[in-house]
């Protein structure tokens, strides 16, 4: 590959490669990058083709860096570190000049989680407009230019957007009718709830998160009968209190006191909801500083 051809190499391919090299496993790397495994595999093959090098040896238990792959990793680490420093510096510069901000906040988390962030921004942003909606709708509004940035729940279909995963994450917990025997158990296995109907969303509402949870359900031996989930949380909680079914909520919703509903942790700790920022690529340097506030 010529030096001039290298200039057109997408730096995201190098970051994808670095994450795969750290994990030595394509599936775990895909989870860290909040993308599915097939496109990540294609990106790695594309990088190998562009460089004309074999970066990994594939085997049944995962991946192993080749000597060439190790050299590539050593070369790109300073570049990726410098990119992070550059974004941080530009973000601080951009923060001082931010006069307006159209921010989306996902309703996937209990809204009290965002109180400190909202108070911080209200002091520093002259014209702050906050929109609350489900994560897929917020992503659509960012793509259309109606929002500058959105704080969403991951995994999420993010084509055309820059995604910055955040430290904020919460386990999902079960919201149960108080009169069910399971409500008296301190920690529930998902498989113990198979006989109970589950309020759940249709795949078309959020395909990425639906597939993520379905895979965890399968590995936990959980195959519930699903009934369509009401869009409004108060309606959903009312139906749970009535005994129509159970649902799974991020842990922050346990702060809601609803007569007839109890929240119980799940023994399957791998089922969680992760937060992230989504924005158009051209806004990343201007808005990346928001990630430091969450």
Protein backbone atom coordinates (compact mmCIF):
# COMPACT_ATOMS: atom_id res chain seq x y z
CA UNK A 1 0.00 0.00 0.00
CA UNK A 2 1.41 3.42 -0.97
CA UNK A 3 1.86 6.30 1.46
CA UNK A 4 -0.64 8.42 -0.48
CA UNK A 5 -3.25 5.66 -0.22
CA UNK A 6 -2.71 5.52 3.54
CA UNK A 7 -3.83 9.13 3.82
CA UNK A 8 -7.38 8.07 2.98
CA UNK A 9 -7.43 5.35 5.66
CA UNK A 10 -10.33 5.86 8.07
CA UNK A 11 -8.91 6.20 11.58
CA UNK A 12 -11.97 4.38 12.91
CA UNK A 13 -10.64 1.19 11.34
CA UNK A 14 -7.50 1.58 13.45
CA UNK A 15 -9.53 2.09 16.62
CA UNK A 16 -11.66 -0.95 15.81
CA UNK A 17 -8.47 -2.95 15.32
CA UNK A 18 -7.05 -1.76 18.66
CA UNK A 19 -10.19 -2.86 20.53
CA UNK A 20 -10.19 -6.28 18.84
CA UNK A 21 -6.49 -6.65 19.68
CA UNK A 22 -7.19 -5.85 23.34
CA UNK A 23 -10.04 -8.36 23.55
CA UNK A 24 -8.60 -11.11 21.32
CA UNK A 25 -12.23 -11.92 20.63
CA UNK A 26 -14.47 -10.47 17.93
CA UNK A 27 -17.69 -10.88 19.91
CA UNK A 28 -16.41 -9.09 23.03
CA UNK A 29 -14.89 -6.34 20.90
CA UNK A 30 -18.20 -5.84 19.11
CA UNK A 31 -19.95 -5.46 22.46
CA UNK A 32 -17.43 -2.82 23.57
CA UNK A 33 -17.92 -0.92 20.32
CA UNK A 34 -21.72 -1.27 20.46
CA UNK A 35 -21.96 -2.83 17.05
CA UNK A 36 -22.76 -6.30 15.78
CA UNK A 37 -20.02 -8.79 15.00
CA UNK A 38 -20.41 -9.17 11.18
CA UNK A 39 -19.69 -5.51 10.29
CA UNK A 40 -16.77 -5.45 12.75
CA UNK A 41 -15.30 -8.52 11.08
CA UNK A 42 -15.70 -6.80 7.70
CA UNK A 43 -13.93 -3.69 9.00
CA UNK A 44 -10.97 -5.77 10.21
CA UNK A 45 -10.74 -7.61 6.87
CA UNK A 46 -10.91 -4.26 5.10
CA UNK A 47 -8.02 -2.95 7.21
CA UNK A 48 -5.96 -6.06 6.47
CA UNK A 49 -6.61 -5.62 2.75
CA UNK A 50 -5.72 -1.92 2.85
CA UNK A 51 -2.48 -2.59 4.72
CA UNK A 52 -1.67 -5.78 2.85
CA UNK A 53 -1.00 -7.51 6.17
CA UNK A 54 -2.44 -10.38 8.18
CA UNK A 55 -3.23 -8.87 11.58
CA UNK A 56 -4.79 -11.85 13.34
CA UNK A 57 -4.63 -15.60 13.35
CA UNK A 58 -8.16 -16.97 13.73
CA UNK A 59 -8.73 -20.05 15.87
CA UNK A 60 -11.67 -21.73 17.59
CA UNK A 61 -11.19 -19.87 20.90
CA UNK A 62 -10.82 -16.41 19.40
CA UNK A 63 -8.05 -14.38 17.79
CA UNK A 64 -4.32 -13.96 18.26
CA UNK A 65 -2.25 -11.04 17.03
CA UNK A 66 0.36 -11.88 14.43
CA UNK A 67 3.81 -10.33 14.68
CA UNK A 68 2.73 -7.87 12.00
CA UNK A 69 -0.43 -7.11 13.95
CA UNK A 70 1.60 -6.44 17.10
CA UNK A 71 3.81 -3.98 15.21
CA UNK A 72 0.76 -2.20 13.78
CA UNK A 73 -0.71 -1.94 17.27
CA UNK A 74 2.48 -0.39 18.65
CA UNK A 75 2.54 2.11 15.77
CA UNK A 76 -1.06 3.27 16.08
CA UNK A 77 -1.33 3.54 19.88
CA UNK A 78 0.34 7.01 20.00
CA UNK A 79 -1.93 8.16 17.15
CA UNK A 80 -5.10 7.03 18.96
CA UNK A 81 -3.91 8.58 22.22
CA UNK A 82 -3.19 11.84 20.42
CA UNK A 83 -6.65 11.75 18.85
CA UNK A 84 -8.22 11.46 22.32
CA UNK A 85 -6.10 14.37 23.60
CA UNK A 86 -7.02 16.46 20.56
CA UNK A 87 -10.74 15.84 21.02
CA UNK A 88 -10.47 16.72 24.71
CA UNK A 89 -8.60 19.98 23.96
CA UNK A 90 -11.01 20.99 21.19
CA UNK A 91 -13.92 20.10 23.44
CA UNK A 92 -12.70 22.43 26.19
CA UNK A 93 -12.23 25.19 23.63
CA UNK A 94 -15.66 24.58 22.14
CA UNK A 95 -17.29 24.47 25.58
CA UNK A 96 -16.27 28.05 26.32
CA UNK A 97 -18.06 29.27 23.19
CA UNK A 98 -21.23 27.19 23.35
CA UNK A 99 -24.22 29.57 23.35
CA UNK A 100 -27.00 27.13 22.50
CA UNK A 101 -27.56 23.40 22.72
CA UNK A 102 -30.38 21.13 21.55
CA UNK A 103 -30.02 18.05 23.74
CA UNK A 104 -31.99 14.83 23.72
CA UNK A 105 -32.35 12.78 26.91
CA UNK A 106 -33.53 9.19 26.66
CA UNK A 107 -36.53 8.10 28.66
CA UNK A 108 -34.89 4.67 29.03
CA UNK A 109 -33.39 5.91 32.33
CA UNK A 110 -35.35 7.39 35.22
CA UNK A 111 -35.05 11.14 34.62
CA UNK A 112 -33.65 11.94 38.06
CA UNK A 113 -30.38 10.43 36.81
CA UNK A 114 -29.91 13.50 34.60
CA UNK A 115 -30.74 16.17 37.17
CA UNK A 116 -27.13 17.16 37.92
CA UNK A 117 -26.31 17.33 34.20
CA UNK A 118 -29.30 19.54 33.48
CA UNK A 119 -28.43 21.89 36.34
CA UNK A 120 -24.81 22.12 35.14
CA UNK A 121 -25.83 22.93 31.56
CA UNK A 122 -28.53 25.39 32.57
CA UNK A 123 -25.87 27.58 34.19
CA UNK A 124 -23.44 27.41 31.25
CA UNK A 125 -25.64 27.34 28.14
CA UNK A 126 -27.59 30.47 27.25
CA UNK A 127 -30.21 28.69 25.14
CA UNK A 128 -30.68 25.12 26.34
CA UNK A 129 -33.44 23.09 24.70
CA UNK A 130 -33.99 19.59 26.13
CA UNK A 131 -36.11 16.96 24.38
CA UNK A 132 -37.07 13.73 26.13
CA UNK A 133 -37.92 10.69 24.05
CA UNK A 134 -37.04 7.06 23.41
CA UNK A 135 -33.50 6.47 22.15
CA UNK A 136 -34.39 5.47 18.55
CA UNK A 137 -36.46 8.64 18.08
CA UNK A 138 -33.66 10.78 19.53
CA UNK A 139 -31.20 9.21 17.10
CA UNK A 140 -33.54 10.02 14.20
CA UNK A 141 -33.78 13.65 15.33
CA UNK A 142 -29.98 13.91 15.51
CA UNK A 143 -29.68 12.52 11.96
CA UNK A 144 -32.24 15.09 10.73
CA UNK A 145 -30.40 17.96 12.40
CA UNK A 146 -33.21 18.68 14.85
CA UNK A 147 -30.94 17.89 17.82
CA UNK A 148 -27.24 18.64 18.24
CA UNK A 149 -26.60 15.63 20.45
CA UNK A 150 -28.55 13.02 22.38
CA UNK A 151 -27.87 10.95 25.45
CA UNK A 152 -29.26 7.53 24.55
CA UNK A 153 -29.38 3.95 25.75
CA UNK A 154 -27.10 1.44 24.03
CA UNK A 155 -27.05 -0.80 22.04
CA UNK A 156 -28.78 1.30 19.38
CA UNK A 157 -28.91 1.36 15.58
CA UNK A 158 -26.42 4.17 14.98
CA UNK A 159 -25.77 4.25 11.22
CA UNK A 160 -24.58 7.70 10.17
CA UNK A 161 -23.86 8.81 13.74
CA UNK A 162 -20.82 9.06 15.96
CA UNK A 163 -21.35 7.08 19.19
CA UNK A 164 -19.43 7.83 22.39
CA UNK A 165 -20.07 5.19 25.08
CA UNK A 166 -20.34 6.63 28.60
CA UNK A 167 -19.55 5.26 32.04
CA UNK A 168 -23.19 5.48 33.14
CA UNK A 169 -24.82 2.07 33.02
CA UNK A 170 -27.46 0.31 35.06
CA UNK A 171 -28.50 -3.31 35.50
CA UNK A 172 -32.03 -4.21 34.51
CA UNK A 173 -34.26 -5.24 37.39
CA UNK A 174 -37.67 -6.90 37.47
CA UNK A 175 -40.83 -4.91 38.22
CA UNK A 176 -43.36 -7.38 39.60
CA UNK A 177 -46.92 -7.31 40.94
CA UNK A 178 -46.58 -7.17 44.73
CA UNK A 179 -48.98 -10.09 45.20
CA UNK A 180 -46.93 -12.55 43.11
CA UNK A 181 -44.88 -15.09 45.12
CA UNK A 182 -41.76 -14.04 43.19
CA UNK A 183 -42.02 -10.62 44.80
CA UNK A 184 -40.85 -12.16 48.09
CA UNK A 185 -37.57 -13.40 46.58
CA UNK A 186 -34.50 -11.18 47.11
CA UNK A 187 -32.85 -11.99 43.76
CA UNK A 188 -34.51 -13.60 40.77
CA UNK A 189 -33.13 -15.78 37.99
CA UNK A 190 -34.63 -14.91 34.63
CA UNK A 191 -35.47 -18.56 34.02
CA UNK A 192 -37.61 -18.54 37.20
CA UNK A 193 -39.95 -16.08 35.48
CA UNK A 194 -40.67 -18.19 32.40
CA UNK A 195 -44.23 -18.91 33.47
CA UNK A 196 -45.06 -15.22 33.84
CA UNK A 197 -46.04 -12.88 30.98
CA UNK A 198 -43.50 -10.16 30.16
CA UNK A 199 -44.36 -6.68 28.98
CA UNK A 200 -41.84 -6.11 26.20
CA UNK A 201 -41.38 -3.93 23.14
CA UNK A 202 -41.65 -4.98 19.50
CA UNK A 203 -38.37 -5.43 17.64
CA UNK A 204 -39.11 -2.66 15.14
CA UNK A 205 -39.07 -0.09 17.96
CA UNK A 206 -35.39 -0.76 18.78
CA UNK A 207 -33.84 -3.64 16.80
CA UNK A 208 -30.33 -3.39 18.29
CA UNK A 209 -31.47 -3.47 21.90
CA UNK A 210 -34.10 -6.12 21.15
CA UNK A 211 -31.46 -8.44 19.66
CA UNK A 212 -29.05 -7.72 22.55
CA UNK A 213 -31.61 -8.71 25.18
CA UNK A 214 -32.91 -11.67 23.17
CA UNK A 215 -29.41 -13.15 23.11
CA UNK A 216 -29.07 -12.76 26.89
CA UNK A 217 -32.54 -14.23 27.41
CA UNK A 218 -31.57 -17.25 25.31
CA UNK A 219 -28.35 -17.87 27.25
CA UNK A 220 -30.22 -17.52 30.55
CA UNK A 221 -32.86 -20.05 29.49
CA UNK A 222 -35.53 -17.36 29.50
CA UNK A 223 -38.32 -17.70 26.94
CA UNK A 224 -41.25 -15.63 28.22
CA UNK A 225 -44.62 -15.06 26.65
CA UNK A 226 -44.46 -11.40 25.65
CA UNK A 227 -47.31 -8.93 25.66
CA UNK A 228 -46.99 -5.52 24.04
CA UNK A 229 -45.48 -2.91 26.33
CA UNK A 230 -47.38 0.37 26.78
CA UNK A 231 -45.33 3.39 25.72
CA UNK A 232 -46.07 5.37 28.90
CA UNK A 233 -44.30 4.22 32.06
CA UNK A 234 -47.23 5.13 34.33
CA UNK A 235 -49.61 2.99 32.27
CA UNK A 236 -47.12 0.11 32.30
CA UNK A 237 -46.70 0.29 36.08
CA UNK A 238 -50.48 0.40 36.54
CA UNK A 239 -50.88 -2.79 34.54
CA UNK A 240 -48.07 -4.48 36.48
CA UNK A 241 -49.77 -3.50 39.75
CA UNK A 242 -52.98 -5.04 38.40
CA UNK A 243 -51.13 -8.33 37.87
CA UNK A 244 -51.16 -8.38 34.06
CA UNK A 245 -47.45 -9.15 33.81
CA UNK A 246 -43.93 -8.10 34.75
CA UNK A 247 -41.39 -5.91 33.05
CA UNK A 248 -37.66 -5.13 33.18
CA UNK A 249 -36.49 -1.63 34.06
CA UNK A 250 -33.12 0.05 34.59
CA UNK A 251 -32.30 0.05 38.31
CA UNK A 252 -32.88 3.82 38.68
CA UNK A 253 -36.63 3.24 38.27
CA UNK A 254 -36.67 1.51 41.66
CA UNK A 255 -36.81 5.05 43.11
CA UNK A 256 -40.41 5.24 41.88
CA UNK A 257 -42.83 4.25 44.61
CA UNK A 258 -45.87 2.63 43.03
CA UNK A 259 -48.44 0.83 45.16
CA UNK A 260 -48.77 -2.78 44.06
CA UNK A 261 -45.37 -2.91 42.31
CA UNK A 262 -42.08 -4.18 43.73
CA UNK A 263 -38.64 -4.10 42.13
CA UNK A 264 -36.28 -7.06 42.49
CA UNK A 265 -32.68 -7.50 41.23
CA UNK A 266 -31.86 -10.24 38.76
CA UNK A 267 -29.18 -12.82 39.43
CA UNK A 268 -28.12 -12.52 35.78
CA UNK A 269 -25.76 -9.55 36.11
CA UNK A 270 -24.97 -9.37 32.39
CA UNK A 271 -28.32 -7.77 31.54
CA UNK A 272 -27.70 -4.03 31.71
CA UNK A 273 -28.36 -0.80 29.87
CA UNK A 274 -25.44 1.40 28.81
CA UNK A 275 -25.57 5.11 28.10
CA UNK A 276 -23.91 6.91 25.22
CA UNK A 277 -23.83 10.16 23.30
CA UNK A 278 -24.82 10.22 19.63
CA UNK A 279 -24.11 13.10 17.27
CA UNK A 280 -23.19 13.80 13.68
CA UNK A 281 -19.49 13.37 12.97
CA UNK A 282 -19.03 17.06 12.19
CA UNK A 283 -20.19 17.97 15.71
CA UNK A 284 -17.89 15.58 17.58
CA UNK A 285 -15.03 18.01 18.27
CA UNK A 286 -17.51 20.70 19.39
CA UNK A 287 -19.63 18.53 21.68
CA UNK A 288 -17.40 15.74 22.91
CA UNK A 289 -16.84 17.64 26.19
CA UNK A 290 -20.35 16.59 27.24
CA UNK A 291 -19.04 13.07 27.83
CA UNK A 292 -16.93 14.36 30.73
CA UNK A 293 -20.04 15.57 32.57
CA UNK A 294 -21.85 12.22 32.70
